[in-house]
Amino acid sequence: MPIMCTIQMPEGRSREEINKIMADVSDALMKDLHTGERQVRVSIVELPRNRFMAGGVAAYDMPEFNKETGKEQV
């Protein structure tokens, strides 16, 4: 049975960063769960910064999120 892993994160990472994250997570799951590469599926869902919050504060109101892109989100 396949092992499914979905990662949710703010949008804005490069294709290279996304590929590295998926490869690293896939490698860790294969190693720790002693399974083959065809059994692990990793996906990333990129969330618009105006569609999630942490601790009751919208991401676009958090300076630490906005400095990654260098621009304010509205």
Protein backbone atom coordinates (compact mmCIF):
# COMPACT_ATOMS: atom_id res chain seq x y z
CA MET A 1 0.00 0.00 0.00
CA PRO A 2 1.43 3.42 -0.93
CA ILE A 3 2.49 5.90 1.73
CA MET A 4 1.05 9.35 1.07
CA CYS A 5 2.53 12.57 2.46
CA THR A 6 1.08 16.01 1.75
CA ILE A 7 2.94 19.13 2.81
CA GLN A 8 1.17 22.48 3.01
CA MET A 9 3.31 25.60 2.88
CA PRO A 10 3.13 29.23 1.82
CA GLU A 11 3.55 29.81 -1.90
CA GLY A 12 6.69 31.41 -3.27
CA ARG A 13 9.41 28.75 -3.18
CA SER A 14 11.40 28.01 -6.34
CA ARG A 15 10.96 24.80 -8.32
CA GLU A 16 14.40 23.70 -7.12
CA GLU A 17 13.47 24.25 -3.45
CA ILE A 18 10.19 22.36 -3.88
CA ASN A 19 11.94 19.44 -5.61
CA LYS A 20 14.57 19.25 -2.86
CA ILE A 21 11.93 19.27 -0.11
CA MET A 22 9.96 16.48 -1.81
CA ALA A 23 13.11 14.41 -2.40
CA ASP A 24 14.31 14.84 1.20
CA VAL A 25 10.90 13.88 2.66
CA SER A 26 10.63 10.94 0.27
CA ASP A 27 14.11 9.69 1.21
CA ALA A 28 13.34 9.98 4.93
CA LEU A 29 10.08 8.06 4.59
CA MET A 30 11.68 5.30 2.50
CA LYS A 31 14.52 4.95 5.01
CA ASP A 32 12.46 5.10 8.20
CA LEU A 33 9.59 2.95 6.92
CA HIS A 34 11.82 0.47 5.04
CA THR A 35 9.91 0.78 1.80
CA GLY A 36 10.71 1.17 -1.88
CA GLU A 37 10.65 4.40 -3.83
CA ARG A 38 7.50 3.49 -5.76
CA GLN A 39 5.59 3.15 -2.49
CA VAL A 40 6.10 6.75 -1.32
CA ARG A 41 4.15 9.67 -2.78
CA VAL A 42 4.94 13.21 -1.66
CA SER A 43 2.96 16.25 -2.74
CA ILE A 44 3.18 19.91 -1.84
CA VAL A 45 0.16 22.18 -1.68
CA GLU A 46 1.15 25.83 -1.91
CA LEU A 47 -1.18 28.08 0.01
CA PRO A 48 -1.78 31.68 -1.04
CA ARG A 49 -0.63 33.91 1.81
CA ASN A 50 -4.10 35.41 2.11
CA ARG A 51 -5.69 32.00 2.72
CA PHE A 52 -4.23 30.82 6.02
CA MET A 53 -3.45 32.02 9.51
CA ALA A 54 -1.45 30.99 12.53
CA GLY A 55 -2.51 31.79 16.07
CA GLY A 56 -5.47 33.79 14.80
CA VAL A 57 -3.29 36.10 12.67
CA ALA A 58 -3.57 36.06 8.89
CA ALA A 59 -0.29 35.30 7.14
CA TYR A 60 -0.36 38.55 5.19
CA ASP A 61 -0.30 40.39 8.55
CA MET A 62 2.85 38.56 9.67
CA PRO A 63 6.05 40.42 8.76
CA GLU A 64 8.09 37.22 8.96
CA PHE A 65 6.07 35.73 6.06
CA ASN A 66 6.10 38.85 3.93
CA LYS A 67 9.84 39.39 4.10
CA GLU A 68 10.41 36.11 2.22
CA THR A 69 8.89 37.63 -0.91
CA GLY A 70 9.92 41.18 -0.21
CA LYS A 71 6.42 42.52 -0.71
CA GLU A 72 3.21 43.05 1.20
CA GLN A 73 0.37 40.65 0.49
CA VAL A 74 -3.20 41.88 0.19
